[in-house]
Amino acid sequence: MIEVFVTVNFLDRNYQTNVIVNKEMTWKKIKKIAEQQVKKQWDI
């Protein structure tokens, strides 16, 4: 497992979040998880 920091643009703002993933996980999946985390936290 590794910790990856990802910057996500959501509602024209940039948010930085960290994602803990397997080393084998693709960048596409990591980005999707990060986007889901930010949306879950900031979506009203």
N, C-alpha and C. Protein backbone atom coordinates (compact mmCIF):
# COMPACT_ATOMS: atom_id res chain seq x y z
N MET A 1 0.85 -1.18 0.00
CA MET A 1 0.00 0.00 0.00
C MET A 1 0.89 1.24 0.00
N ILE A 2 0.46 2.23 -0.77
CA ILE A 2 1.18 3.50 -0.81
C ILE A 2 0.18 4.64 -0.67
N GLU A 3 0.68 5.78 -0.22
CA GLU A 3 -0.15 6.97 -0.08
C GLU A 3 0.19 7.91 -1.23
N VAL A 4 -0.84 8.34 -1.96
CA VAL A 4 -0.66 9.21 -3.12
C VAL A 4 -1.44 10.49 -2.87
N PHE A 5 -0.80 11.64 -3.12
CA PHE A 5 -1.48 12.92 -3.01
C PHE A 5 -1.95 13.34 -4.40
N VAL A 6 -3.23 13.71 -4.49
CA VAL A 6 -3.83 14.04 -5.78
C VAL A 6 -4.53 15.39 -5.66
N THR A 7 -4.36 16.24 -6.67
CA THR A 7 -5.10 17.50 -6.73
C THR A 7 -6.29 17.30 -7.66
N VAL A 8 -7.48 17.64 -7.15
CA VAL A 8 -8.72 17.43 -7.89
C VAL A 8 -9.41 18.79 -8.07
N ASN A 9 -9.85 19.06 -9.31
CA ASN A 9 -10.62 20.27 -9.57
C ASN A 9 -12.09 19.93 -9.41
N PHE A 10 -12.77 20.63 -8.49
CA PHE A 10 -14.19 20.39 -8.23
C PHE A 10 -14.87 21.73 -8.03
N LEU A 11 -15.88 22.01 -8.81
CA LEU A 11 -16.61 23.28 -8.77
C LEU A 11 -15.65 24.46 -8.93
N ASP A 12 -14.74 24.35 -9.89
CA ASP A 12 -13.76 25.40 -10.22
C ASP A 12 -12.81 25.73 -9.07
N ARG A 13 -12.61 24.80 -8.18
CA ARG A 13 -11.64 24.96 -7.09
C ARG A 13 -10.77 23.72 -7.05
N ASN A 14 -9.52 23.90 -6.65
CA ASN A 14 -8.59 22.77 -6.54
C ASN A 14 -8.54 22.29 -5.10
N TYR A 15 -8.67 21.00 -4.93
CA TYR A 15 -8.59 20.38 -3.62
C TYR A 15 -7.51 19.31 -3.66
N GLN A 16 -6.70 19.26 -2.61
CA GLN A 16 -5.68 18.22 -2.53
C GLN A 16 -6.16 17.16 -1.54
N THR A 17 -6.08 15.92 -1.95
CA THR A 17 -6.51 14.81 -1.10
C THR A 17 -5.49 13.69 -1.19
N ASN A 18 -5.45 12.86 -0.19
CA ASN A 18 -4.55 11.71 -0.24
C ASN A 18 -5.38 10.43 -0.37
N VAL A 19 -4.81 9.48 -1.10
CA VAL A 19 -5.47 8.22 -1.36
C VAL A 19 -4.48 7.11 -1.02
N ILE A 20 -4.92 6.13 -0.26
CA ILE A 20 -4.07 4.98 0.06
C ILE A 20 -4.51 3.83 -0.85
N VAL A 21 -3.57 3.37 -1.69
CA VAL A 21 -3.90 2.39 -2.72
C VAL A 21 -2.81 1.33 -2.82
N ASN A 22 -3.14 0.26 -3.54
CA ASN A 22 -2.14 -0.76 -3.86
C ASN A 22 -1.17 -0.22 -4.90
N LYS A 23 0.05 -0.70 -4.87
CA LYS A 23 1.06 -0.25 -5.84
C LYS A 23 0.65 -0.58 -7.27
N GLU A 24 -0.13 -1.63 -7.47
CA GLU A 24 -0.50 -2.07 -8.80
C GLU A 24 -1.67 -1.27 -9.41
N MET A 25 -2.31 -0.43 -8.62
CA MET A 25 -3.49 0.28 -9.10
C MET A 25 -3.10 1.31 -10.16
N THR A 26 -3.93 1.43 -11.19
CA THR A 26 -3.64 2.36 -12.28
C THR A 26 -3.95 3.80 -11.86
N TRP A 27 -3.31 4.74 -12.57
CA TRP A 27 -3.52 6.17 -12.27
C TRP A 27 -4.98 6.55 -12.47
N LYS A 28 -5.64 5.95 -13.47
CA LYS A 28 -7.04 6.24 -13.75
C LYS A 28 -7.93 5.91 -12.54
N LYS A 29 -7.68 4.76 -11.93
CA LYS A 29 -8.47 4.35 -10.75
C LYS A 29 -8.16 5.22 -9.55
N ILE A 30 -6.88 5.57 -9.38
CA ILE A 30 -6.49 6.44 -8.26
C ILE A 30 -7.19 7.79 -8.38
N LYS A 31 -7.18 8.35 -9.59
CA LYS A 31 -7.82 9.65 -9.81
C LYS A 31 -9.32 9.57 -9.54
N LYS A 32 -9.95 8.47 -9.95
CA LYS A 32 -11.39 8.30 -9.73
C LYS A 32 -11.71 8.25 -8.23
N ILE A 33 -10.91 7.53 -7.47
CA ILE A 33 -11.11 7.45 -6.02
C ILE A 33 -10.95 8.82 -5.39
N ALA A 34 -9.93 9.57 -5.80
CA ALA A 34 -9.69 10.90 -5.27
C ALA A 34 -10.87 11.83 -5.57
N GLU A 35 -11.37 11.77 -6.80
CA GLU A 35 -12.53 12.59 -7.18
C GLU A 35 -13.76 12.24 -6.35
N GLN A 36 -13.97 10.95 -6.11
CA GLN A 36 -15.11 10.52 -5.30
C GLN A 36 -14.98 11.04 -3.87
N GLN A 37 -13.77 11.02 -3.32
CA GLN A 37 -13.55 11.51 -1.95
C GLN A 37 -13.88 12.99 -1.85
N VAL A 38 -13.40 13.77 -2.81
CA VAL A 38 -13.64 15.21 -2.78
C VAL A 38 -15.12 15.51 -2.96
N LYS A 39 -15.77 14.83 -3.90
CA LYS A 39 -17.21 15.06 -4.11
C LYS A 39 -18.01 14.70 -2.87
N LYS A 40 -17.66 13.61 -2.23
CA LYS A 40 -18.37 13.18 -1.03
C LYS A 40 -18.22 14.21 0.09
N GLN A 41 -17.05 14.80 0.20
CA GLN A 41 -16.79 15.76 1.27
C GLN A 41 -17.43 17.12 0.99
N TRP A 42 -17.43 17.58 -0.27
CA TRP A 42 -17.83 18.95 -0.57
C TRP A 42 -19.16 19.08 -1.29
N ASP A 43 -19.74 18.01 -1.77
CA ASP A 43 -21.01 18.11 -2.48
C ASP A 43 -22.13 18.35 -1.49
N ILE A 44 -22.92 19.35 -1.78
CA ILE A 44 -24.01 19.72 -0.86
C ILE A 44 -25.33 19.21 -1.42
